[in-house]
N, C-alpha and C. Protein backbone atom coordinates (compact mmCIF):
# COMPACT_ATOMS: atom_id res chain seq x y z
N MET A 1 224.15 29.22 -9.42
CA MET A 1 225.70 30.13 -9.75
C MET A 1 225.26 31.55 -10.43
N ASP A 2 224.64 31.38 -11.16
CA ASP A 2 224.16 32.47 -12.16
C ASP A 2 223.71 33.78 -11.42
N LEU A 3 223.05 33.69 -10.15
CA LEU A 3 222.71 34.94 -9.53
C LEU A 3 224.02 35.31 -9.08
N LEU A 4 224.78 34.65 -8.66
CA LEU A 4 226.23 35.13 -8.24
C LEU A 4 226.79 36.01 -9.40
N THR A 5 227.04 35.74 -10.31
CA THR A 5 227.39 36.53 -11.30
C THR A 5 226.86 37.32 -12.52
N PRO A 6 226.58 38.20 -12.28
CA PRO A 6 225.73 38.48 -13.49
C PRO A 6 226.11 38.92 -14.52
N ASP A 7 225.15 39.20 -15.61
CA ASP A 7 225.55 38.92 -17.10
C ASP A 7 225.72 40.09 -17.04
N LEU A 8 226.73 40.38 -18.38
CA LEU A 8 227.40 41.59 -18.81
C LEU A 8 226.42 42.52 -19.13
N GLY A 9 225.33 42.25 -20.10
CA GLY A 9 224.30 43.00 -20.43
C GLY A 9 223.70 43.42 -19.51
N LEU A 10 223.06 42.97 -18.48
CA LEU A 10 222.22 43.47 -17.28
C LEU A 10 223.06 44.36 -16.57
N LEU A 11 224.36 44.07 -16.64
CA LEU A 11 224.97 45.08 -15.93
C LEU A 11 224.97 46.31 -16.33
N PHE A 12 224.83 45.98 -17.86
CA PHE A 12 225.29 47.41 -18.56
C PHE A 12 223.79 48.15 -18.64
N TRP A 13 222.77 47.64 -18.45
CA TRP A 13 221.74 48.31 -18.42
C TRP A 13 221.29 48.46 -16.80
N GLN A 14 221.81 47.77 -16.10
CA GLN A 14 221.64 48.49 -14.70
C GLN A 14 222.27 49.92 -14.20
N VAL A 15 223.38 49.56 -14.88
CA VAL A 15 224.43 51.06 -14.82
C VAL A 15 223.66 52.12 -15.74
N ILE A 16 223.12 51.85 -16.70
CA ILE A 16 222.35 53.14 -17.59
C ILE A 16 221.23 53.34 -16.69
N VAL A 17 220.69 52.67 -16.29
CA VAL A 17 219.40 52.79 -15.73
C VAL A 17 219.77 53.75 -14.45
N PHE A 18 220.73 53.02 -13.46
CA PHE A 18 221.26 53.58 -12.39
C PHE A 18 221.73 55.38 -12.71
N LEU A 19 222.64 55.42 -13.48
CA LEU A 19 222.64 56.75 -14.25
C LEU A 19 221.64 57.56 -14.52
N GLY A 20 221.02 57.15 -15.63
CA GLY A 20 219.53 57.70 -15.64
C GLY A 20 218.56 58.23 -14.37
N LEU A 21 218.58 57.35 -13.59
CA LEU A 21 217.73 57.71 -12.47
C LEU A 21 218.60 58.56 -11.40
N PHE A 22 219.84 58.57 -11.87
CA PHE A 22 220.94 59.66 -10.76
C PHE A 22 220.81 60.69 -11.09
N LEU A 23 220.62 61.09 -12.54
CA LEU A 23 220.79 62.22 -13.34
C LEU A 23 219.16 63.07 -13.06
N ILE A 24 218.28 61.93 -13.09
CA ILE A 24 216.96 62.40 -13.35
C ILE A 24 216.67 63.13 -11.68
N LEU A 25 217.33 62.18 -10.68
CA LEU A 25 216.82 62.54 -9.21
C LEU A 25 217.88 63.81 -9.14
N ARG A 26 219.33 63.94 -9.59
CA ARG A 26 220.03 65.05 -9.45
C ARG A 26 219.22 66.61 -9.66
N ALA A 27 218.43 66.18 -11.38
CA ALA A 27 218.10 67.54 -11.87
C ALA A 27 216.76 67.88 -10.86
N PHE A 28 215.86 67.23 -10.68
CA PHE A 28 214.52 67.11 -10.16
C PHE A 28 214.57 66.65 -8.58
N ALA A 29 215.40 66.07 -8.16
CA ALA A 29 215.19 65.70 -6.50
C ALA A 29 216.23 66.33 -5.63
N TRP A 30 217.27 66.14 -5.86
CA TRP A 30 218.25 66.41 -5.18
C TRP A 30 218.61 68.19 -4.67
N LYS A 31 218.25 68.84 -6.05
CA LYS A 31 218.31 70.02 -5.58
C LYS A 31 217.06 70.63 -4.96
N PRO A 32 216.03 70.26 -4.80
CA PRO A 32 214.81 70.71 -3.91
C PRO A 32 215.28 70.19 -2.72
N ILE A 33 215.79 68.98 -2.41
CA ILE A 33 216.27 68.26 -1.39
C ILE A 33 216.98 69.02 -0.50
N THR A 34 217.90 68.90 -1.38
CA THR A 34 219.49 69.84 -0.58
C THR A 34 219.12 71.58 -0.28
N GLU A 35 218.33 71.97 -1.21
CA GLU A 35 217.79 73.27 -0.84
C GLU A 35 217.20 73.22 0.40
N SER A 36 215.89 72.69 0.68
CA SER A 36 215.30 72.14 1.97
C SER A 36 216.20 71.86 3.02
N LEU A 37 217.02 71.10 2.81
CA LEU A 37 217.99 70.86 3.77
C LEU A 37 218.66 72.12 4.50
N ASN A 38 219.42 72.40 3.37
CA ASN A 38 220.20 73.86 3.58
C ASN A 38 219.10 74.96 4.11
N GLU A 39 217.84 75.10 3.75
CA GLU A 39 217.01 76.35 4.51
C GLU A 39 216.69 75.67 5.78
N ARG A 40 216.39 74.47 6.12
CA ARG A 40 216.15 73.78 7.38
C ARG A 40 217.27 73.95 7.95
N GLU A 41 218.77 74.09 7.57
CA GLU A 41 220.02 73.98 8.32
C GLU A 41 220.03 75.64 9.00
N ASN A 42 219.68 76.41 7.76
CA ASN A 42 219.65 78.12 8.26
C ASN A 42 218.72 78.23 9.25
N ASN A 43 217.54 77.82 9.03
CA ASN A 43 216.44 78.09 10.03
C ASN A 43 216.99 77.74 11.43
N ILE A 44 217.43 76.19 11.57
CA ILE A 44 218.01 75.51 13.02
C ILE A 44 219.17 76.88 13.47
N GLN A 45 219.96 77.13 12.23
CA GLN A 45 220.77 77.94 13.13
C GLN A 45 220.70 79.47 13.12
N SER A 46 219.40 80.00 12.56
CA SER A 46 219.15 81.15 13.17
C SER A 46 218.20 81.18 14.45
N ALA A 47 217.78 80.01 14.81
CA ALA A 47 217.02 79.95 15.75
C ALA A 47 217.92 79.70 16.66
N LEU A 48 219.10 79.07 16.57
CA LEU A 48 219.97 78.89 17.33
C LEU A 48 220.86 80.24 18.12
N ASP A 49 220.99 80.94 16.86
CA ASP A 49 221.63 82.25 17.04
C ASP A 49 220.58 83.09 17.64
N LEU A 50 219.44 83.15 17.06
CA LEU A 50 218.47 83.64 17.79
C LEU A 50 218.02 83.70 19.58
N ALA A 51 218.47 82.23 20.02
CA ALA A 51 217.99 81.57 20.99
C ALA A 51 219.47 82.25 22.02
N GLU A 52 220.60 82.16 21.58
CA GLU A 52 221.95 82.63 22.22
C GLU A 52 221.64 83.92 22.28
N LYS A 53 221.37 84.67 21.53
CA LYS A 53 221.15 86.29 21.50
C LYS A 53 220.03 86.85 22.42
N THR A 54 219.23 85.70 22.73
CA THR A 54 218.13 86.13 23.52
C THR A 54 218.56 86.03 25.01
N ARG A 55 219.50 84.63 25.12
CA ARG A 55 220.16 84.32 26.35
C ARG A 55 221.15 85.55 26.74
N LEU A 56 221.86 86.07 25.81
CA LEU A 56 222.61 87.43 26.14
C LEU A 56 221.78 88.38 26.78
N GLU A 57 220.83 88.80 26.15
CA GLU A 57 220.00 89.76 26.27
C GLU A 57 219.10 89.75 27.30
N MET A 58 218.78 88.33 28.02
CA MET A 58 218.65 88.29 29.24
C MET A 58 219.27 88.12 30.39
N THR A 59 220.87 87.77 30.01
CA THR A 59 221.34 88.22 31.31
C THR A 59 221.99 89.45 31.17
N ALA A 60 221.93 90.13 30.31
CA ALA A 60 222.13 91.69 30.04
C ALA A 60 220.90 92.48 31.18
N LEU A 61 219.82 91.74 30.72
CA LEU A 61 218.82 92.54 31.59
C LEU A 61 218.49 92.37 32.97
N LYS A 62 219.16 90.85 33.17
CA LYS A 62 219.38 90.80 34.57
C LYS A 62 220.11 91.48 35.30
N ALA A 63 221.41 91.59 34.62
CA ALA A 63 222.42 92.38 35.72
C ALA A 63 222.06 93.78 35.36
N ASP A 64 221.51 94.20 34.23
CA ASP A 64 220.87 95.49 34.29
C ASP A 64 219.70 96.00 35.55
N ASN A 65 218.81 94.71 35.80
CA ASN A 65 218.06 94.65 36.78
C ASN A 65 218.62 94.80 38.32
N GLU A 66 219.76 94.07 38.15
CA GLU A 66 219.94 93.82 39.76
C GLU A 66 220.88 95.14 39.76
N LYS A 67 221.58 95.69 38.59
CA LYS A 67 221.88 97.14 39.08
C LYS A 67 220.84 98.10 39.39
N LEU A 68 219.90 98.14 39.03
CA LEU A 68 219.03 99.15 39.00
C LEU A 68 218.28 98.91 40.72
N LEU A 69 218.37 97.27 40.94
CA LEU A 69 217.96 97.06 42.12
C LEU A 69 218.89 97.74 43.28
N ALA A 70 220.25 97.52 42.93
CA ALA A 70 221.12 97.73 43.99
C ALA A 70 221.32 99.30 43.88
N GLU A 71 220.95 100.16 43.14
CA GLU A 71 221.16 101.66 42.80
C GLU A 71 219.72 102.02 43.99
N ALA A 72 218.56 101.35 43.76
CA ALA A 72 217.43 101.63 44.42
C ALA A 72 217.71 101.22 45.90
N ARG A 73 218.66 100.17 46.35
CA ARG A 73 218.38 100.13 47.45
C ARG A 73 219.35 101.12 48.20
N SER A 74 220.15 101.43 47.52
CA SER A 74 221.38 102.24 48.05
C SER A 74 220.38 103.74 48.00
N GLU A 75 219.72 104.30 46.93
CA GLU A 75 218.99 105.80 47.02
C GLU A 75 217.69 105.18 48.38
N ARG A 76 217.16 104.19 48.44
CA ARG A 76 216.48 104.11 49.69
C ARG A 76 216.99 104.09 50.83
N GLU A 77 218.33 103.71 50.91
CA GLU A 77 218.88 103.69 52.25
C GLU A 77 219.35 105.33 52.50
N VAL A 78 219.84 106.22 51.41
CA VAL A 78 220.10 107.39 51.50
C VAL A 78 218.69 108.40 52.05
N ILE A 79 217.53 107.87 51.31
CA ILE A 79 216.65 108.56 51.73
C ILE A 79 216.02 108.28 53.19
N LEU A 80 216.22 107.29 53.75
CA LEU A 80 215.69 106.87 54.97
C LEU A 80 216.70 107.30 55.69
N ARG A 81 218.28 107.52 55.47
CA ARG A 81 219.00 108.36 56.43
C ARG A 81 218.58 109.77 56.69
N GLY A 82 218.21 110.32 55.63
CA GLY A 82 218.30 112.05 55.26
C GLY A 82 216.67 112.05 55.97
N ALA A 83 215.91 110.99 56.05
CA ALA A 83 214.73 111.39 56.79
C ALA A 83 215.13 111.48 58.34
N LYS A 84 215.86 110.38 58.22
CA LYS A 84 216.29 109.85 60.17
C LYS A 84 216.96 111.29 60.58
N GLU A 85 217.80 111.40 59.82
CA GLU A 85 218.65 112.71 60.08
C GLU A 85 217.58 114.25 60.15
N THR A 86 216.33 114.24 59.50
CA THR A 86 215.81 115.30 59.59
C THR A 86 214.46 115.04 60.85
N ALA A 87 214.45 114.27 60.84
CA ALA A 87 213.20 113.72 62.20
C ALA A 87 214.26 113.94 63.71
N ASP A 88 215.72 113.71 63.57
CA ASP A 88 216.47 113.73 64.60
C ASP A 88 216.94 115.19 65.03
N LYS A 89 216.96 116.38 63.80
CA LYS A 89 217.18 117.58 63.96
C LYS A 89 215.82 118.08 64.16
N MET A 90 215.13 117.86 63.61
CA MET A 90 213.37 118.70 63.91
C MET A 90 213.07 118.21 65.60
N LEU A 91 213.15 116.71 65.89
CA LEU A 91 213.25 116.53 67.45
C LEU A 91 214.34 117.33 68.20
N ALA A 92 215.44 117.34 67.64
CA ALA A 92 216.34 118.37 68.45
C ALA A 92 215.89 119.87 68.57
N ASP A 93 215.51 120.11 67.63
CA ASP A 93 214.89 121.73 67.44
C ASP A 93 213.86 121.92 68.44
N SER A 94 212.88 120.91 68.70
CA SER A 94 211.60 120.93 69.54
C SER A 94 211.95 121.06 70.72
N ARG A 95 213.10 120.08 71.06
CA ARG A 95 213.79 119.86 72.39
C ARG A 95 213.99 121.41 73.11
N GLU A 96 214.83 121.83 72.07
CA GLU A 96 215.48 123.01 72.48
C GLU A 96 214.48 124.50 72.54
N LYS A 97 213.26 124.12 71.52
CA LYS A 97 212.47 125.66 71.66
C LYS A 97 211.66 125.21 72.99
N ALA A 98 211.53 124.07 73.48
CA ALA A 98 210.73 123.42 74.78
C ALA A 98 211.40 123.98 75.82
N GLU A 99 212.72 123.71 75.60
CA GLU A 99 213.54 124.17 76.93
C GLU A 99 213.92 125.52 76.96
N ALA A 100 214.11 126.44 75.98
CA ALA A 100 213.76 127.96 75.55
C ALA A 100 212.45 128.55 76.20
N GLU A 101 211.66 127.69 75.92
CA GLU A 101 210.29 128.31 76.37
C GLU A 101 210.00 128.01 77.79
N GLY A 102 210.19 126.60 78.23
CA GLY A 102 210.42 126.88 79.93
C GLY A 102 211.57 127.33 80.49
N ARG A 103 212.48 127.78 79.83
CA ARG A 103 213.51 128.66 81.00
C ARG A 103 212.74 129.92 80.74
N ARG A 104 212.12 130.67 79.80
CA ARG A 104 211.52 131.99 79.49
C ARG A 104 210.55 131.94 80.80
N ILE A 105 209.73 130.74 80.81
CA ILE A 105 208.51 130.81 81.77
C ILE A 105 208.83 130.92 83.27
N LEU A 106 209.69 130.43 83.39
CA LEU A 106 210.59 130.21 84.72
C LEU A 106 211.15 131.52 85.04
N ASP A 107 211.62 132.25 84.10
CA ASP A 107 212.33 133.51 84.32
C ASP A 107 211.17 134.54 84.75
N GLN A 108 210.15 134.50 83.81
CA GLN A 108 208.73 135.24 83.93
C GLN A 108 208.14 135.17 85.29
N ALA A 109 208.37 133.60 85.78
CA ALA A 109 207.36 133.46 87.44
C ALA A 109 208.53 134.04 88.10
N ARG A 110 209.98 133.88 87.87
CA ARG A 110 211.02 134.56 89.09
C ARG A 110 210.61 136.04 89.17
N GLU A 111 210.85 136.58 88.03
CA GLU A 111 210.28 137.99 87.80
C GLU A 111 208.93 138.62 88.64
N SER A 112 208.20 137.95 88.02
CA SER A 112 206.78 138.05 88.91
C SER A 112 206.69 137.87 90.21
N MET A 113 207.58 136.71 90.72
CA MET A 113 207.40 136.87 92.61
C MET A 113 208.37 137.92 92.75
N GLN A 114 209.51 137.77 92.14
CA GLN A 114 210.16 139.30 92.59
C GLN A 114 209.50 140.68 92.30
N ASN A 115 208.57 140.78 91.68
CA ASN A 115 207.93 142.11 91.70
C ASN A 115 206.85 141.88 92.58
N GLU A 116 206.14 140.94 92.94
CA GLU A 116 205.05 140.61 94.00
C GLU A 116 205.90 140.83 95.61
N ARG A 117 207.01 140.21 95.52
CA ARG A 117 207.58 140.31 96.69
C ARG A 117 208.06 142.18 97.28
N GLN A 118 208.45 142.89 95.99
CA GLN A 118 209.08 143.90 96.42
C GLN A 118 207.64 145.13 96.74
N ALA A 119 206.53 144.41 95.81
CA ALA A 119 205.31 145.35 95.92
C ALA A 119 205.05 144.92 97.69
N LEU A 120 204.97 143.79 97.89
CA LEU A 120 204.72 143.16 99.47
C LEU A 120 205.61 144.05 100.52
N VAL A 121 206.83 143.64 100.16
CA VAL A 121 207.85 144.71 101.09
C VAL A 121 207.21 145.96 101.21
N ALA A 122 207.42 146.77 100.13
CA ALA A 122 206.78 148.08 99.88
C ALA A 122 205.31 148.52 100.56
N HIS A 123 204.63 147.71 100.68
CA HIS A 123 203.08 147.87 101.26
C HIS A 123 203.42 147.53 102.90
N MET A 124 204.16 146.87 103.04
CA MET A 124 204.46 146.65 104.61
C MET A 124 205.37 147.48 105.03
N LYS A 125 206.26 148.14 104.22
CA LYS A 125 206.84 149.54 104.88
C LYS A 125 205.79 150.45 105.29
N LYS A 126 204.84 150.64 104.28
CA LYS A 126 204.00 151.90 104.47
C LYS A 126 203.21 151.35 105.82
N GLU A 127 202.47 150.37 105.61
CA GLU A 127 202.04 150.01 106.91
C GLU A 127 202.69 150.22 108.25
N VAL A 128 203.61 149.67 108.07
CA VAL A 128 204.79 149.96 109.31
C VAL A 128 205.21 151.52 109.96
N VAL A 129 205.05 152.18 108.83
CA VAL A 129 205.52 153.86 108.74
C VAL A 129 204.03 154.18 109.25
N SER A 130 202.74 153.82 108.90
CA SER A 130 201.75 154.30 109.07
C SER A 130 201.35 153.85 110.48
N LEU A 131 201.53 152.69 111.06
CA LEU A 131 200.92 152.28 112.24
C LEU A 131 201.98 152.95 113.25
N SER A 132 203.31 153.13 112.80
CA SER A 132 204.41 153.83 113.79
C SER A 132 204.13 155.16 113.98
N ILE A 133 203.35 155.96 112.67
CA ILE A 133 202.99 157.21 113.03
C ILE A 133 201.60 157.58 113.81
N GLU A 134 200.60 156.51 113.81
CA GLU A 134 199.88 156.27 114.56
C GLU A 134 199.75 155.96 115.76
N ILE A 135 201.00 155.43 116.30
CA ILE A 135 201.16 154.90 117.58
C ILE A 135 201.87 156.11 118.07
N ALA A 136 202.99 156.91 117.31
CA ALA A 136 203.45 157.87 117.89
C ALA A 136 202.78 159.19 118.14
N GLU A 137 201.66 159.17 117.34
CA GLU A 137 200.93 160.19 117.46
C GLU A 137 199.94 160.10 118.85
N LYS A 138 199.52 158.83 119.10
CA LYS A 138 198.87 158.65 120.39
C LYS A 138 199.69 158.40 121.18
N VAL A 139 201.12 158.37 121.14
CA VAL A 139 201.88 158.58 122.51
C VAL A 139 202.11 159.92 122.61
N LEU A 140 202.70 160.90 121.86
CA LEU A 140 202.25 162.02 121.92
C LEU A 140 201.33 162.67 122.37
N ARG A 141 200.27 162.58 121.94
CA ARG A 141 198.90 163.15 122.37
C ARG A 141 198.95 162.79 123.77
N LYS A 142 199.20 161.40 124.20
CA LYS A 142 199.22 161.29 125.86
C LYS A 142 200.34 161.88 126.50
N GLU A 143 201.52 162.12 125.93
CA GLU A 143 202.36 162.67 126.57
C GLU A 143 202.21 164.17 126.83
N LEU A 144 201.80 164.55 125.59
CA LEU A 144 201.79 166.17 125.36
C LEU A 144 200.45 166.83 125.66
N SER A 145 199.60 165.98 126.46
CA SER A 145 198.36 166.55 127.11
C SER A 145 198.48 167.58 128.39
N ASP A 146 199.18 167.42 128.85
CA ASP A 146 199.62 168.41 129.71
C ASP A 146 200.66 169.16 129.14
N LYS A 147 200.76 171.01 129.59
CA LYS A 147 201.89 171.64 129.37
C LYS A 147 202.89 171.57 129.80
N GLY A 148 203.12 171.03 130.55
CA GLY A 148 204.71 171.02 131.34
C GLY A 148 205.07 169.92 130.71
N ALA A 149 204.75 168.87 130.24
CA ALA A 149 205.40 168.17 129.70
C ALA A 149 205.87 168.03 128.63
N GLN A 150 204.87 169.46 127.67
CA GLN A 150 205.53 169.70 126.44
C GLN A 150 206.29 170.71 126.24
N GLU A 151 206.44 171.43 127.31
CA GLU A 151 207.73 172.41 127.36
C GLU A 151 209.01 171.35 127.58
N LYS A 152 208.97 170.51 128.30
CA LYS A 152 210.16 169.82 128.73
C LYS A 152 210.32 169.04 127.38
N LEU A 153 209.33 168.33 126.44
CA LEU A 153 209.81 167.47 125.50
C LEU A 153 210.65 168.57 124.30
N VAL A 154 210.14 170.24 124.20
CA VAL A 154 210.47 170.93 123.10
C VAL A 154 211.85 171.21 123.83
N THR A 155 212.05 171.09 125.13
CA THR A 155 213.68 171.63 125.50
C THR A 155 214.55 170.70 125.32
N ASP A 156 214.24 169.07 125.49
CA ASP A 156 215.22 168.09 125.13
C ASP A 156 215.22 167.86 123.80
N LEU A 157 214.25 168.44 123.14
CA LEU A 157 214.64 168.60 121.71
C LEU A 157 215.59 169.31 120.92
N VAL A 158 215.65 170.53 121.49
CA VAL A 158 216.18 171.77 121.23
C VAL A 158 217.89 171.18 121.85
N SER A 159 217.63 170.82 122.71
CA SER A 159 219.06 170.71 123.22
C SER A 159 219.80 169.31 122.58
N GLN A 160 219.03 168.35 121.99
CA GLN A 160 219.53 167.33 121.39
C GLN A 160 219.92 167.76 119.93
N SER A 161 219.54 168.71 119.32
CA SER A 161 219.77 169.32 117.97
C SER A 161 220.72 170.34 118.11
N ARG A 162 220.64 171.02 118.96
CA ARG A 162 222.17 171.62 118.70
C ARG A 162 223.53 170.66 118.99
N LEU A 163 223.47 169.63 119.59
CA LEU A 163 224.43 168.91 119.85
C LEU A 163 224.97 167.96 118.69
N ASN A 164 224.04 167.52 117.52
CA ASN A 164 223.99 167.22 116.56
C ASN A 164 224.62 167.86 115.89
């Protein structure tokens, strides 16, 4: 039963050893241990803060990237729309020029045909006049080969001309 009830002297020395050990540990061990624990806590907190800051920056960068991507898409659509409009305009201009050139060529062909037709008609008139004169000359030579026929023709012409 002595083990259960310690002696007062033993208890006194245990308290003094405990207090001495406590003071020694407090002076030499606890201060470095608490400093290292505080330093570790600060390092962990700064790492957590850095991680949070990095996460926020990544979120901001992701938002900026999405914004830039959206702007690039809209810019691409504007460029494509402008290119399509330009291509349509160029196609319409080319079509108009081709139609105008076609009309000009048709007009030139019609004018050329008209000129050739007029030249042909004038040539045919000349030929008809020439043939008519030649035929009239041959008929007159035959008719006027004798002197009586000549006098009769002159008399008829004079009488007709007075009536007119």
